[in-house]
PDB file of N, CA and C in Angstrom:
ATOM      1  N   MET A   1      83.090  65.105  98.127  1.00  0.00           N
ATOM      2  CA  MET A   1      82.849  66.453  98.374  1.00  0.00           C
ATOM      3  C   MET A   1      81.841  66.890  97.668  1.00  0.00           C
ATOM      4  N   GLN A   2      80.708  67.522  98.264  1.00  0.00           N
ATOM      5  CA  GLN A   2      79.470  68.138  97.438  1.00  0.00           C
ATOM      6  C   GLN A   2      79.369  69.656  98.007  1.00  0.00           C
ATOM      7  N   ALA A   3      78.996  70.482  97.140  1.00  0.00           N
ATOM      8  CA  ALA A   3      78.666  71.836  97.393  1.00  0.00           C
ATOM      9  C   ALA A   3      77.705  72.423  96.345  1.00  0.00           C
ATOM     10  N   GLN A   4      76.908  73.322  96.959  1.00  0.00           N
ATOM     11  CA  GLN A   4      75.918  73.881  96.213  1.00  0.00           C
ATOM     12  C   GLN A   4      76.549  75.389  95.976  1.00  0.00           C
ATOM     13  N   ILE A   5      76.949  75.710  94.524  1.00  0.00           N
ATOM     14  CA  ILE A   5      77.281  76.955  94.057  1.00  0.00           C
ATOM     15  C   ILE A   5      76.689  77.453  93.053  1.00  0.00           C
ATOM     16  N   PRO A   6      76.473  78.930  93.086  1.00  0.00           N
ATOM     17  CA  PRO A   6      75.764  79.478  91.880  1.00  0.00           C
ATOM     18  C   PRO A   6      76.186  78.863  90.603  1.00  0.00           C
ATOM     19  N   PRO A   7      75.260  78.652  89.605  1.00  0.00           N
ATOM     20  CA  PRO A   7      75.506  78.170  88.356  1.00  0.00           C
ATOM     21  C   PRO A   7      76.747  78.905  87.619  1.00  0.00           C
ATOM     22  N   ALA A   8      76.769  80.233  87.620  1.00  0.00           N
ATOM     23  CA  ALA A   8      77.678  81.172  86.816  1.00  0.00           C
ATOM     24  C   ALA A   8      79.109  80.807  87.494  1.00  0.00           C
ATOM     25  N   LEU A   9      79.098  80.627  88.670  1.00  0.00           N
ATOM     26  CA  LEU A   9      80.655  80.286  89.617  1.00  0.00           C
ATOM     27  C   LEU A   9      80.874  78.799  89.109  1.00  0.00           C
ATOM     28  N   ARG A  10      79.943  78.015  89.090  1.00  0.00           N
ATOM     29  CA  ARG A  10      80.234  76.387  88.627  1.00  0.00           C
ATOM     30  C   ARG A  10      80.674  76.561  87.178  1.00  0.00           C
ATOM     31  N   ASP A  11      80.041  77.349  86.360  1.00  0.00           N
ATOM     32  CA  ASP A  11      80.503  77.391  84.921  1.00  0.00           C
ATOM     33  C   ASP A  11      81.716  77.935  84.807  1.00  0.00           C
ATOM     34  N   HIS A  12      82.365  78.900  85.755  1.00  0.00           N
ATOM     35  CA  HIS A  12      83.426  79.748  85.738  1.00  0.00           C
ATOM     36  C   HIS A  12      84.521  78.771  86.122  1.00  0.00           C
ATOM     37  N   VAL A  13      84.279  77.895  87.049  1.00  0.00           N
ATOM     38  CA  VAL A  13      85.245  76.854  87.473  1.00  0.00           C
ATOM     39  C   VAL A  13      85.615  75.803  86.417  1.00  0.00           C
ATOM     40  N   ASN A  14      84.552  75.370  85.818  1.00  0.00           N
ATOM     41  CA  ASN A  14      84.361  74.308  84.701  1.00  0.00           C
ATOM     42  C   ASN A  14      85.389  74.953  83.638  1.00  0.00           C
ATOM     43  N   GLU A  15      85.163  76.078  83.106  1.00  0.00           N
ATOM     44  CA  GLU A  15      85.926  76.688  82.175  1.00  0.00           C
ATOM     45  C   GLU A  15      87.286  76.792  82.492  1.00  0.00           C
ATOM     46  N   MET A  16      87.570  77.181  83.660  1.00  0.00           N
ATOM     47  CA  MET A  16      89.121  77.121  84.024  1.00  0.00           C
ATOM     48  C   MET A  16      89.832  75.863  83.995  1.00  0.00           C
ATOM     49  N   ALA A  17      88.938  74.852  84.421  1.00  0.00           N
ATOM     50  CA  ALA A  17      89.525  73.429  84.222  1.00  0.00           C
ATOM     51  C   ALA A  17      89.815  73.103  82.744  1.00  0.00           C
ATOM     52  N   THR A  18      89.102  73.463  82.035  1.00  0.00           N
ATOM     53  CA  THR A  18      89.040  73.086  80.590  1.00  0.00           C
ATOM     54  C   THR A  18      90.107  73.710  80.007  1.00  0.00           C
ATOM     55  N   ARG A  19      90.166  75.162  80.251  1.00  0.00           N
ATOM     56  CA  ARG A  19      91.503  75.808  79.643  1.00  0.00           C
ATOM     57  C   ARG A  19      92.811  75.324  79.994  1.00  0.00           C
ATOM     58  N   ALA A  20      92.730  74.476  81.606  1.00  0.00           N
ATOM     59  CA  ALA A  20      93.846  74.079  81.949  1.00  0.00           C
ATOM     60  C   ALA A  20      94.160  72.767  81.274  1.00  0.00           C
ATOM     61  N   GLY A  21      93.148  72.112  80.629  1.00  0.00           N
ATOM     62  CA  GLY A  21      93.326  70.759  80.046  1.00  0.00           C
ATOM     63  C   GLY A  21      92.963  69.620  80.969  1.00  0.00           C
ATOM     64  N   ILE A  22      92.353  69.921  82.100  1.00  0.00           N
ATOM     65  CA  ILE A  22      92.387  68.964  83.193  1.00  0.00           C
ATOM     66  C   ILE A  22      90.871  68.755  83.583  1.00  0.00           C
ATOM     67  N   SER A  23      90.570  67.597  84.292  1.00  0.00           N
ATOM     68  CA  SER A  23      89.365  67.499  84.834  1.00  0.00           C
ATOM     69  C   SER A  23      88.977  68.446  85.827  1.00  0.00           C
ATOM     70  N   LEU A  24      87.783  68.548  86.140  1.00  0.00           N
ATOM     71  CA  LEU A  24      87.148  69.602  87.151  1.00  0.00           C
ATOM     72  C   LEU A  24      87.686  69.079  88.553  1.00  0.00           C
ATOM     73  N   SER A  25      87.673  67.696  88.660  1.00  0.00           N
ATOM     74  CA  SER A  25      88.096  67.161  89.849  1.00  0.00           C
ATOM     75  C   SER A  25      89.610  67.245  90.181  1.00  0.00           C
ATOM     76  N   ILE A  26      90.428  66.988  89.232  1.00  0.00           N
ATOM     77  CA  ILE A  26      91.920  67.337  89.488  1.00  0.00           C
ATOM     78  C   ILE A  26      92.131  69.056  89.612  1.00  0.00           C
ATOM     79  N   PHE A  27      91.395  69.869  88.895  1.00  0.00           N
ATOM     80  CA  PHE A  27      91.305  71.333  89.166  1.00  0.00           C
ATOM     81  C   PHE A  27      91.128  71.648  90.756  1.00  0.00           C
ATOM     82  N   MET A  28      89.708  71.025  91.012  1.00  0.00           N
ATOM     83  CA  MET A  28      89.436  71.336  92.381  1.00  0.00           C
ATOM     84  C   MET A  28      90.667  70.695  93.384  1.00  0.00           C
ATOM     85  N   GLU A  29      91.243  69.641  93.023  1.00  0.00           N
ATOM     86  CA  GLU A  29      92.192  69.196  93.964  1.00  0.00           C
ATOM     87  C   GLU A  29      93.316  70.156  94.065  1.00  0.00           C
ATOM     88  N   LEU A  30      94.007  70.453  92.937  1.00  0.00           N
ATOM     89  CA  LEU A  30      94.980  71.674  92.819  1.00  0.00           C
ATOM     90  C   LEU A  30      94.493  72.913  93.439  1.00  0.00           C
ATOM     91  N   LEU A  31      93.485  73.359  93.220  1.00  0.00           N
ATOM     92  CA  LEU A  31      92.817  74.691  93.925  1.00  0.00           C
ATOM     93  C   LEU A  31      93.005  74.567  95.499  1.00  0.00           C
ATOM     94  N   LEU A  32      92.298  73.306  95.796  1.00  0.00           N
ATOM     95  CA  LEU A  32      92.162  73.329  97.505  1.00  0.00           C
ATOM     96  C   LEU A  32      93.744  73.135  98.026  1.00  0.00           C
ATOM     97  N   ALA A  33      94.594  72.331  97.260  1.00  0.00           N
ATOM     98  CA  ALA A  33      95.958  72.040  97.882  1.00  0.00           C
ATOM     99  C   ALA A  33      96.732  73.322  98.010  1.00  0.00           C
ATOM    100  N   GLY A  34      96.501  74.220  96.949  1.00  0.00           N
ATOM    101  CA  GLY A  34      97.217  75.766  96.910  1.00  0.00           C
ATOM    102  C   GLY A  34      96.713  76.592  97.835  1.00  0.00           C
ATOM    103  N   ILE A  35      95.798  76.233  98.955  1.00  0.00           N
ATOM    104  CA  ILE A  35      95.457  77.334  99.650  1.00  0.00           C
ATOM    105  C   ILE A  35      96.307  77.517 100.816  1.00  0.00           C
ATOM    106  N   GLU A  36      96.838  78.586 100.975  1.00  0.00           N
ATOM    107  CA  GLU A  36      97.786  78.924 102.153  1.00  0.00           C
ATOM    108  C   GLU A  36      96.997  79.233 103.126  1.00  0.00           C
ATOM    109  N   LEU A  37      97.315  78.682 104.377  1.00  0.00           N
ATOM    110  CA  LEU A  37      96.710  78.493 105.651  1.00  0.00           C
ATOM    111  C   LEU A  37      97.670  79.625 106.866  1.00  0.00           C
ATOM    112  N   ASP A  38      96.785  80.199 107.795  1.00  0.00           N
ATOM    113  CA  ASP A  38      97.279  81.006 108.683  1.00  0.00           C
ATOM    114  C   ASP A  38      97.693  80.021 109.955  1.00  0.00           C
ATOM    115  N   ASP A  39      98.027  80.589 110.990  1.00  0.00           N
ATOM    116  CA  ASP A  39      98.307  80.096 112.253  1.00  0.00           C
ATOM    117  C   ASP A  39      97.066  79.564 112.898  1.00  0.00           C
ATOM    118  N   ARG A  40      96.018  79.811 112.378  1.00  0.00           N
ATOM    119  CA  ARG A  40      94.730  79.134 112.955  1.00  0.00           C
ATOM    120  C   ARG A  40      94.491  77.756 112.132  1.00  0.00           C
ATOM    121  N   GLY A  41      95.265  77.554 110.983  1.00  0.00           N
ATOM    122  CA  GLY A  41      95.052  76.558 110.205  1.00  0.00           C
ATOM    123  C   GLY A  41      93.878  76.656 109.197  1.00  0.00           C
ATOM    124  N   LEU A  42      93.509  77.966 109.003  1.00  0.00           N
ATOM    125  CA  LEU A  42      92.519  78.651 108.033  1.00  0.00           C
ATOM    126  C   LEU A  42      93.032  79.477 106.976  1.00  0.00           C
ATOM    127  N   PRO A  43      92.450  79.629 105.737  1.00  0.00           N
ATOM    128  CA  PRO A  43      92.860  80.765 105.048  1.00  0.00           C
ATOM    129  C   PRO A  43      92.661  82.049 105.601  1.00  0.00           C
ATOM    130  N   PRO A  44      93.795  82.904 105.381  1.00  0.00           N
ATOM    131  CA  PRO A  44      93.645  84.228 105.767  1.00  0.00           C
ATOM    132  C   PRO A  44      92.475  85.185 105.425  1.00  0.00           C
ATOM    133  N   TRP A  45      91.807  84.888 104.681  1.00  0.00           N
ATOM    134  CA  TRP A  45      90.438  85.405 104.238  1.00  0.00           C
ATOM    135  C   TRP A  45      89.281  85.320 105.240  1.00  0.00           C
ATOM    136  N   ILE A  46      89.380  84.274 105.917  1.00  0.00           N
ATOM    137  CA  ILE A  46      88.498  83.838 106.962  1.00  0.00           C
ATOM    138  C   ILE A  46      88.512  84.796 108.224  1.00  0.00           C
ATOM    139  N   PRO A  47      87.614  85.668 108.349  1.00  0.00           N
ATOM    140  CA  PRO A  47      87.639  86.571 109.507  1.00  0.00           C
ATOM    141  C   PRO A  47      87.845  85.827 110.848  1.00  0.00           C
ATOM    142  N   THR A  48      88.354  86.411 111.910  1.00  0.00           N
ATOM    143  CA  THR A  48      88.477  85.886 113.347  1.00  0.00           C
ATOM    144  C   THR A  48      87.420  86.655 114.083  1.00  0.00           C
ATOM    145  N   ALA A  49      87.194  85.944 115.263  1.00  0.00           N
ATOM    146  CA  ALA A  49      86.105  86.579 116.059  1.00  0.00           C
ATOM    147  C   ALA A  49      86.517  87.773 116.454  1.00  0.00           C
ATOM    148  N   THR A  50      87.758  88.194 116.384  1.00  0.00           N
ATOM    149  CA  THR A  50      87.888  89.803 116.954  1.00  0.00           C
ATOM    150  C   THR A  50      88.028  90.604 115.810  1.00  0.00           C
ATOM    151  N   ASP A  51      88.170  89.962 114.587  1.00  0.00           N
ATOM    152  CA  ASP A  51      88.015  91.138 113.453  1.00  0.00           C
ATOM    153  C   ASP A  51      86.859  91.465 112.969  1.00  0.00           C
ATOM    154  N   PRO A  52      86.999  92.568 112.382  1.00  0.00           N
ATOM    155  CA  PRO A  52      85.702  93.460 111.930  1.00  0.00           C
ATOM    156  C   PRO A  52      84.822  92.440 110.919  1.00  0.00           C
ATOM    157  N   GLU A  53      83.633  92.492 110.772  1.00  0.00           N
ATOM    158  CA  GLU A  53      82.820  91.794 109.694  1.00  0.00           C
ATOM    159  C   GLU A  53      83.600  92.194 108.357  1.00  0.00           C
ATOM    160  N   LEU A  54      83.349  90.974 107.351  1.00  0.00           N
ATOM    161  CA  LEU A  54      83.731  91.142 106.103  1.00  0.00           C
ATOM    162  C   LEU A  54      82.970  92.558 105.529  1.00  0.00           C
ATOM    163  N   PRO A  55      83.461  93.095 104.636  1.00  0.00           N
ATOM    164  CA  PRO A  55      82.768  94.410 103.941  1.00  0.00           C
ATOM    165  C   PRO A  55      81.557  93.935 103.328  1.00  0.00           C
ATOM    166  N   LEU A  56      81.187  92.798 102.728  1.00  0.00           N
ATOM    167  CA  LEU A  56      80.118  92.526 102.111  1.00  0.00           C
ATOM    168  C   LEU A  56      78.992  92.251 103.238  1.00  0.00           C
ATOM    169  N   GLN A  57      79.314  91.831 104.455  1.00  0.00           N
ATOM    170  CA  GLN A  57      78.366  91.645 105.425  1.00  0.00           C
ATOM    171  C   GLN A  57      77.551  93.032 105.885  1.00  0.00           C
ATOM    172  N   ASN A  58      78.624  93.941 105.661  1.00  0.00           N
ATOM    173  CA  ASN A  58      78.032  95.643 106.095  1.00  0.00           C
ATOM    174  C   ASN A  58      77.362  96.247 104.917  1.00  0.00           C
ATOM    175  N   ALA A  59      77.382  95.644 103.552  1.00  0.00           N
ATOM    176  CA  ALA A  59      76.940  96.271 102.383  1.00  0.00           C
ATOM    177  C   ALA A  59      75.402  96.362 102.655  1.00  0.00           C
ATOM    178  N   SER A  60      74.862  97.381 102.060  1.00  0.00           N
ATOM    179  CA  SER A  60      73.389  97.463 102.206  1.00  0.00           C
ATOM    180  C   SER A  60      72.782  98.080 100.693  1.00  0.00           C
TER     181      SER A  60
END
């Protein structure tokens, strides 16, 4: 799995893994395995086509 994320966020995730005493790979595995899914099979924070847009999309 590859993803481009902002350096500050990458550093934050690396720091959490270090504090947990585990590798980044194991941290990401645990993080992803712990995401609860709704009836669509998606995290509940992903909007549906009928939901209003996320607040950040409306921010100006």
